[in-house]
Amino acid sequence: MADFDQELDASGLNCPLPILRAKKALAAMSSGQVLKIIATDPGSVKDFEAFATQTGNELLSSSEEGGKYVFLMKKA
């Protein structure tokens, strides 16, 4: 059983596309569900922190694995 409900692969996309895709995906999800986002843009780390603060969605984790940035965000 995965610890997320939906996965969004934003690899190869530059700011602000990963955020915009995540925003759209989260909008279609239910409160409490978790979205896993995979991005390759190093700027996405700060972007997702700011996005979480601005939207009230909870950034559960942020990690880097071999040049890919993986985020788990819980919908508010």
PDB file of N, CA and C in Angstrom:
ATOM      1  N   MET A   1       0.848  -1.192   0.000  1.00  0.00           N
ATOM      2  CA  MET A   1       0.000   0.000   0.000  1.00  0.00           C
ATOM      3  C   MET A   1       0.887   1.247   0.000  1.00  0.00           C
ATOM      4  N   ALA A   2       0.694   2.095  -0.973  1.00  0.00           N
ATOM      5  CA  ALA A   2       1.485   3.322  -1.087  1.00  0.00           C
ATOM      6  C   ALA A   2       1.005   4.356  -0.071  1.00  0.00           C
ATOM      7  N   ASP A   3       1.891   5.269   0.275  1.00  0.00           N
ATOM      8  CA  ASP A   3       1.522   6.300   1.246  1.00  0.00           C
ATOM      9  C   ASP A   3       1.046   7.581   0.550  1.00  0.00           C
ATOM     10  N   PHE A   4       0.522   7.414  -0.666  1.00  0.00           N
ATOM     11  CA  PHE A   4      -0.041   8.563  -1.389  1.00  0.00           C
ATOM     12  C   PHE A   4      -1.213   8.073  -2.229  1.00  0.00           C
ATOM     13  N   ASP A   5      -2.085   8.998  -2.607  1.00  0.00           N
ATOM     14  CA  ASP A   5      -3.298   8.654  -3.350  1.00  0.00           C
ATOM     15  C   ASP A   5      -3.158   8.859  -4.852  1.00  0.00           C
ATOM     16  N   GLN A   6      -2.301   9.794  -5.220  1.00  0.00           N
ATOM     17  CA  GLN A   6      -2.137  10.119  -6.631  1.00  0.00           C
ATOM     18  C   GLN A   6      -0.703  10.558  -6.872  1.00  0.00           C
ATOM     19  N   GLU A   7      -0.200  10.264  -8.091  1.00  0.00           N
ATOM     20  CA  GLU A   7       1.174  10.645  -8.416  1.00  0.00           C
ATOM     21  C   GLU A   7       1.178  11.588  -9.603  1.00  0.00           C
ATOM     22  N   LEU A   8       2.007  12.615  -9.511  1.00  0.00           N
ATOM     23  CA  LEU A   8       2.152  13.587 -10.586  1.00  0.00           C
ATOM     24  C   LEU A   8       3.622  13.626 -10.976  1.00  0.00           C
ATOM     25  N   ASP A   9       3.913  13.294 -12.222  1.00  0.00           N
ATOM     26  CA  ASP A   9       5.297  13.333 -12.694  1.00  0.00           C
ATOM     27  C   ASP A   9       5.505  14.621 -13.472  1.00  0.00           C
ATOM     28  N   ALA A  10       6.215  15.571 -12.860  1.00  0.00           N
ATOM     29  CA  ALA A  10       6.480  16.861 -13.502  1.00  0.00           C
ATOM     30  C   ALA A  10       7.946  16.945 -13.934  1.00  0.00           C
ATOM     31  N   SER A  11       8.570  15.799 -14.163  1.00  0.00           N
ATOM     32  CA  SER A  11       9.972  15.762 -14.599  1.00  0.00           C
ATOM     33  C   SER A  11      10.137  16.514 -15.917  1.00  0.00           C
ATOM     34  N   GLY A  12      11.221  17.285 -16.003  1.00  0.00           N
ATOM     35  CA  GLY A  12      11.506  18.011 -17.232  1.00  0.00           C
ATOM     36  C   GLY A  12      10.769  19.336 -17.359  1.00  0.00           C
ATOM     37  N   LEU A  13       9.862  19.608 -16.435  1.00  0.00           N
ATOM     38  CA  LEU A  13       9.115  20.868 -16.474  1.00  0.00           C
ATOM     39  C   LEU A  13       9.787  21.894 -15.576  1.00  0.00           C
ATOM     40  N   ASN A  14       9.824  23.130 -16.042  1.00  0.00           N
ATOM     41  CA  ASN A  14      10.418  24.190 -15.239  1.00  0.00           C
ATOM     42  C   ASN A  14       9.337  25.044 -14.598  1.00  0.00           C
ATOM     43  N   CYS A  15       9.728  25.745 -13.558  1.00  0.00           N
ATOM     44  CA  CYS A  15       8.861  26.647 -12.827  1.00  0.00           C
ATOM     45  C   CYS A  15       8.134  27.570 -13.811  1.00  0.00           C
ATOM     46  N   PRO A  16       6.860  27.830 -13.684  1.00  0.00           N
ATOM     47  CA  PRO A  16       5.979  27.396 -12.593  1.00  0.00           C
ATOM     48  C   PRO A  16       5.145  26.156 -12.915  1.00  0.00           C
ATOM     49  N   LEU A  17       5.483  25.443 -13.989  1.00  0.00           N
ATOM     50  CA  LEU A  17       4.644  24.315 -14.418  1.00  0.00           C
ATOM     51  C   LEU A  17       4.425  23.226 -13.375  1.00  0.00           C
ATOM     52  N   PRO A  18       5.474  22.783 -12.639  1.00  0.00           N
ATOM     53  CA  PRO A  18       5.200  21.747 -11.619  1.00  0.00           C
ATOM     54  C   PRO A  18       4.154  22.199 -10.592  1.00  0.00           C
ATOM     55  N   ILE A  19       4.224  23.469 -10.189  1.00  0.00           N
ATOM     56  CA  ILE A  19       3.262  24.008  -9.219  1.00  0.00           C
ATOM     57  C   ILE A  19       1.861  24.057  -9.821  1.00  0.00           C
ATOM     58  N   LEU A  20       1.769  24.519 -11.063  1.00  0.00           N
ATOM     59  CA  LEU A  20       0.462  24.628 -11.714  1.00  0.00           C
ATOM     60  C   LEU A  20      -0.178  23.258 -11.889  1.00  0.00           C
ATOM     61  N   ARG A  21       0.632  22.266 -12.270  1.00  0.00           N
ATOM     62  CA  ARG A  21       0.111  20.899 -12.424  1.00  0.00           C
ATOM     63  C   ARG A  21      -0.340  20.341 -11.073  1.00  0.00           C
ATOM     64  N   ALA A  22       0.454  20.625 -10.037  1.00  0.00           N
ATOM     65  CA  ALA A  22       0.117  20.144  -8.697  1.00  0.00           C
ATOM     66  C   ALA A  22      -1.176  20.796  -8.206  1.00  0.00           C
ATOM     67  N   LYS A  23      -1.306  22.084  -8.477  1.00  0.00           N
ATOM     68  CA  LYS A  23      -2.499  22.832  -8.062  1.00  0.00           C
ATOM     69  C   LYS A  23      -3.744  22.219  -8.704  1.00  0.00           C
ATOM     70  N   LYS A  24      -3.645  21.895  -9.997  1.00  0.00           N
ATOM     71  CA  LYS A  24      -4.754  21.308 -10.739  1.00  0.00           C
ATOM     72  C   LYS A  24      -5.088  19.914 -10.189  1.00  0.00           C
ATOM     73  N   ALA A  25      -4.050  19.123  -9.924  1.00  0.00           N
ATOM     74  CA  ALA A  25      -4.259  17.769  -9.403  1.00  0.00           C
ATOM     75  C   ALA A  25      -4.901  17.811  -8.021  1.00  0.00           C
ATOM     76  N   LEU A  26      -4.404  18.701  -7.162  1.00  0.00           N
ATOM     77  CA  LEU A  26      -4.945  18.824  -5.807  1.00  0.00           C
ATOM     78  C   LEU A  26      -6.405  19.279  -5.826  1.00  0.00           C
ATOM     79  N   ALA A  27      -6.744  20.135  -6.780  1.00  0.00           N
ATOM     80  CA  ALA A  27      -8.113  20.649  -6.879  1.00  0.00           C
ATOM     81  C   ALA A  27      -9.115  19.521  -7.110  1.00  0.00           C
ATOM     82  N   ALA A  28      -8.666  18.463  -7.780  1.00  0.00           N
ATOM     83  CA  ALA A  28      -9.543  17.337  -8.099  1.00  0.00           C
ATOM     84  C   ALA A  28      -9.561  16.276  -6.988  1.00  0.00           C
ATOM     85  N   MET A  29      -8.731  16.467  -5.974  1.00  0.00           N
ATOM     86  CA  MET A  29      -8.615  15.487  -4.897  1.00  0.00           C
ATOM     87  C   MET A  29      -9.460  15.868  -3.688  1.00  0.00           C
ATOM     88  N   SER A  30      -9.678  14.891  -2.825  1.00  0.00           N
ATOM     89  CA  SER A  30     -10.442  15.121  -1.604  1.00  0.00           C
ATOM     90  C   SER A  30      -9.524  15.575  -0.479  1.00  0.00           C
ATOM     91  N   SER A  31     -10.088  16.306   0.470  1.00  0.00           N
ATOM     92  CA  SER A  31      -9.334  16.765   1.629  1.00  0.00           C
ATOM     93  C   SER A  31      -8.735  15.570   2.354  1.00  0.00           C
ATOM     94  N   GLY A  32      -7.444  15.687   2.718  1.00  0.00           N
ATOM     95  CA  GLY A  32      -6.770  14.613   3.433  1.00  0.00           C
ATOM     96  C   GLY A  32      -6.025  13.646   2.526  1.00  0.00           C
ATOM     97  N   GLN A  33      -6.290  13.707   1.231  1.00  0.00           N
ATOM     98  CA  GLN A  33      -5.581  12.834   0.292  1.00  0.00           C
ATOM     99  C   GLN A  33      -4.173  13.378   0.055  1.00  0.00           C
ATOM    100  N   VAL A  34      -3.273  12.480  -0.337  1.00  0.00           N
ATOM    101  CA  VAL A  34      -1.873  12.853  -0.515  1.00  0.00           C
ATOM    102  C   VAL A  34      -1.454  12.737  -1.980  1.00  0.00           C
ATOM    103  N   LEU A  35      -0.827  13.792  -2.470  1.00  0.00           N
ATOM    104  CA  LEU A  35      -0.323  13.840  -3.840  1.00  0.00           C
ATOM    105  C   LEU A  35       1.197  13.714  -3.809  1.00  0.00           C
ATOM    106  N   LYS A  36       1.717  12.773  -4.586  1.00  0.00           N
ATOM    107  CA  LYS A  36       3.175  12.626  -4.718  1.00  0.00           C
ATOM    108  C   LYS A  36       3.569  13.344  -5.999  1.00  0.00           C
ATOM    109  N   ILE A  37       4.531  14.255  -5.876  1.00  0.00           N
ATOM    110  CA  ILE A  37       4.989  15.025  -7.028  1.00  0.00           C
ATOM    111  C   ILE A  37       6.461  14.722  -7.280  1.00  0.00           C
ATOM    112  N   ILE A  38       6.788  14.429  -8.530  1.00  0.00           N
ATOM    113  CA  ILE A  38       8.177  14.201  -8.915  1.00  0.00           C
ATOM    114  C   ILE A  38       8.565  15.339  -9.859  1.00  0.00           C
ATOM    115  N   ALA A  39       9.646  16.042  -9.519  1.00  0.00           N
ATOM    116  CA  ALA A  39      10.093  17.158 -10.343  1.00  0.00           C
ATOM    117  C   ALA A  39      11.606  17.093 -10.528  1.00  0.00           C
ATOM    118  N   THR A  40      12.104  17.756 -11.572  1.00  0.00           N
ATOM    119  CA  THR A  40      13.547  17.785 -11.813  1.00  0.00           C
ATOM    120  C   THR A  40      14.110  19.203 -11.681  1.00  0.00           C
ATOM    121  N   ASP A  41      13.237  20.188 -11.527  1.00  0.00           N
ATOM    122  CA  ASP A  41      13.658  21.579 -11.384  1.00  0.00           C
ATOM    123  C   ASP A  41      14.100  21.850  -9.945  1.00  0.00           C
ATOM    124  N   PRO A  42      15.391  22.174  -9.732  1.00  0.00           N
ATOM    125  CA  PRO A  42      15.871  22.438  -8.367  1.00  0.00           C
ATOM    126  C   PRO A  42      15.093  23.551  -7.665  1.00  0.00           C
ATOM    127  N   GLY A  43      14.556  24.481  -8.434  1.00  0.00           N
ATOM    128  CA  GLY A  43      13.782  25.581  -7.872  1.00  0.00           C
ATOM    129  C   GLY A  43      12.460  25.122  -7.273  1.00  0.00           C
ATOM    130  N   SER A  44      12.047  23.911  -7.632  1.00  0.00           N
ATOM    131  CA  SER A  44      10.757  23.414  -7.151  1.00  0.00           C
ATOM    132  C   SER A  44      10.743  23.192  -5.641  1.00  0.00           C
ATOM    133  N   VAL A  45      11.923  22.984  -5.045  1.00  0.00           N
ATOM    134  CA  VAL A  45      11.991  22.776  -3.593  1.00  0.00           C
ATOM    135  C   VAL A  45      11.422  23.992  -2.862  1.00  0.00           C
ATOM    136  N   LYS A  46      11.939  25.173  -3.190  1.00  0.00           N
ATOM    137  CA  LYS A  46      11.441  26.408  -2.566  1.00  0.00           C
ATOM    138  C   LYS A  46      10.010  26.702  -3.019  1.00  0.00           C
ATOM    139  N   ASP A  47       9.726  26.410  -4.286  1.00  0.00           N
ATOM    140  CA  ASP A  47       8.394  26.667  -4.833  1.00  0.00           C
ATOM    141  C   ASP A  47       7.317  25.912  -4.068  1.00  0.00           C
ATOM    142  N   PHE A  48       7.571  24.613  -3.802  1.00  0.00           N
ATOM    143  CA  PHE A  48       6.557  23.819  -3.124  1.00  0.00           C
ATOM    144  C   PHE A  48       6.414  24.197  -1.651  1.00  0.00           C
ATOM    145  N   GLU A  49       7.505  24.660  -1.044  1.00  0.00           N
ATOM    146  CA  GLU A  49       7.423  25.150   0.340  1.00  0.00           C
ATOM    147  C   GLU A  49       6.525  26.386   0.385  1.00  0.00           C
ATOM    148  N   ALA A  50       6.747  27.297  -0.561  1.00  0.00           N
ATOM    149  CA  ALA A  50       5.949  28.525  -0.622  1.00  0.00           C
ATOM    150  C   ALA A  50       4.495  28.210  -0.974  1.00  0.00           C
ATOM    151  N   PHE A  51       4.316  27.270  -1.902  1.00  0.00           N
ATOM    152  CA  PHE A  51       2.971  26.865  -2.322  1.00  0.00           C
ATOM    153  C   PHE A  51       2.180  26.300  -1.141  1.00  0.00           C
ATOM    154  N   ALA A  52       2.827  25.481  -0.333  1.00  0.00           N
ATOM    155  CA  ALA A  52       2.176  24.895   0.837  1.00  0.00           C
ATOM    156  C   ALA A  52       1.745  25.988   1.817  1.00  0.00           C
ATOM    157  N   THR A  53       2.644  26.941   2.051  1.00  0.00           N
ATOM    158  CA  THR A  53       2.350  28.046   2.969  1.00  0.00           C
ATOM    159  C   THR A  53       1.176  28.885   2.462  1.00  0.00           C
ATOM    160  N   GLN A  54       1.186  29.178   1.174  1.00  0.00           N
ATOM    161  CA  GLN A  54       0.153  30.038   0.582  1.00  0.00           C
ATOM    162  C   GLN A  54      -1.210  29.364   0.515  1.00  0.00           C
ATOM    163  N   THR A  55      -1.227  28.046   0.275  1.00  0.00           N
ATOM    164  CA  THR A  55      -2.501  27.359   0.042  1.00  0.00           C
ATOM    165  C   THR A  55      -3.041  26.636   1.265  1.00  0.00           C
ATOM    166  N   GLY A  56      -2.184  26.426   2.275  1.00  0.00           N
ATOM    167  CA  GLY A  56      -2.635  25.714   3.462  1.00  0.00           C
ATOM    168  C   GLY A  56      -2.553  24.198   3.316  1.00  0.00           C
ATOM    169  N   ASN A  57      -2.099  23.744   2.130  1.00  0.00           N
ATOM    170  CA  ASN A  57      -1.879  22.312   1.946  1.00  0.00           C
ATOM    171  C   ASN A  57      -0.589  21.962   2.679  1.00  0.00           C
ATOM    172  N   GLU A  58      -0.525  20.760   3.224  1.00  0.00           N
ATOM    173  CA  GLU A  58       0.622  20.390   4.053  1.00  0.00           C
ATOM    174  C   GLU A  58       1.690  19.645   3.252  1.00  0.00           C
ATOM    175  N   LEU A  59       2.914  20.186   3.272  1.00  0.00           N
ATOM    176  CA  LEU A  59       4.037  19.521   2.616  1.00  0.00           C
ATOM    177  C   LEU A  59       4.576  18.496   3.605  1.00  0.00           C
ATOM    178  N   LEU A  60       4.225  17.225   3.388  1.00  0.00           N
ATOM    179  CA  LEU A  60       4.596  16.164   4.322  1.00  0.00           C
ATOM    180  C   LEU A  60       6.079  15.828   4.233  1.00  0.00           C
ATOM    181  N   SER A  61       6.598  15.816   3.007  1.00  0.00           N
ATOM    182  CA  SER A  61       8.017  15.520   2.853  1.00  0.00           C
ATOM    183  C   SER A  61       8.549  16.089   1.552  1.00  0.00           C
ATOM    184  N   SER A  62       9.859  16.310   1.559  1.00  0.00           N
ATOM    185  CA  SER A  62      10.557  16.841   0.404  1.00  0.00           C
ATOM    186  C   SER A  62      11.911  16.147   0.387  1.00  0.00           C
ATOM    187  N   SER A  63      12.190  15.417  -0.681  1.00  0.00           N
ATOM    188  CA  SER A  63      13.473  14.718  -0.743  1.00  0.00           C
ATOM    189  C   SER A  63      14.039  14.758  -2.151  1.00  0.00           C
ATOM    190  N   GLU A  64      15.326  14.475  -2.242  1.00  0.00           N
ATOM    191  CA  GLU A  64      15.999  14.476  -3.536  1.00  0.00           C
ATOM    192  C   GLU A  64      16.591  13.097  -3.755  1.00  0.00           C
ATOM    193  N   GLU A  65      16.259  12.502  -4.898  1.00  0.00           N
ATOM    194  CA  GLU A  65      16.751  11.166  -5.214  1.00  0.00           C
ATOM    195  C   GLU A  65      17.334  11.170  -6.616  1.00  0.00           C
ATOM    196  N   GLY A  66      18.638  11.137  -6.705  1.00  0.00           N
ATOM    197  CA  GLY A  66      19.303  11.068  -8.006  1.00  0.00           C
ATOM    198  C   GLY A  66      18.888  12.123  -9.001  1.00  0.00           C
ATOM    199  N   GLY A  67      18.860  13.375  -8.554  1.00  0.00           N
ATOM    200  CA  GLY A  67      18.511  14.468  -9.454  1.00  0.00           C
ATOM    201  C   GLY A  67      17.017  14.696  -9.605  1.00  0.00           C
ATOM    202  N   LYS A  68      16.233  13.866  -8.935  1.00  0.00           N
ATOM    203  CA  LYS A  68      14.775  14.066  -8.953  1.00  0.00           C
ATOM    204  C   LYS A  68      14.324  14.491  -7.569  1.00  0.00           C
ATOM    205  N   TYR A  69      13.422  15.429  -7.536  1.00  0.00           N
ATOM    206  CA  TYR A  69      12.892  15.938  -6.278  1.00  0.00           C
ATOM    207  C   TYR A  69      11.503  15.344  -6.072  1.00  0.00           C
ATOM    208  N   VAL A  70      11.311  14.753  -4.920  1.00  0.00           N
ATOM    209  CA  VAL A  70      10.040  14.088  -4.634  1.00  0.00           C
ATOM    210  C   VAL A  70       9.356  14.767  -3.453  1.00  0.00           C
ATOM    211  N   PHE A  71       8.116  15.149  -3.662  1.00  0.00           N
ATOM    212  CA  PHE A  71       7.337  15.836  -2.634  1.00  0.00           C
ATOM    213  C   PHE A  71       6.064  15.064  -2.348  1.00  0.00           C
ATOM    214  N   LEU A  72       5.683  15.051  -1.082  1.00  0.00           N
ATOM    215  CA  LEU A  72       4.389  14.498  -0.711  1.00  0.00           C
ATOM    216  C   LEU A  72       3.593  15.651  -0.112  1.00  0.00           C
ATOM    217  N   MET A  73       2.452  15.942  -0.723  1.00  0.00           N
ATOM    218  CA  MET A  73       1.634  17.051  -0.256  1.00  0.00           C
ATOM    219  C   MET A  73       0.227  16.570   0.073  1.00  0.00           C
ATOM    220  N   LYS A  74      -0.211  16.930   1.273  1.00  0.00           N
ATOM    221  CA  LYS A  74      -1.532  16.523   1.751  1.00  0.00           C
ATOM    222  C   LYS A  74      -2.513  17.658   1.533  1.00  0.00           C
ATOM    223  N   LYS A  75      -3.617  17.346   0.869  1.00  0.00           N
ATOM    224  CA  LYS A  75      -4.608  18.386   0.590  1.00  0.00           C
ATOM    225  C   LYS A  75      -5.308  18.816   1.878  1.00  0.00           C
ATOM    226  N   ALA A  76      -5.423  20.125   2.034  1.00  0.00           N
ATOM    227  CA  ALA A  76      -6.056  20.708   3.221  1.00  0.00           C
ATOM    228  C   ALA A  76      -7.546  20.401   3.250  1.00  0.00           C
TER     229      ALA A  76
END
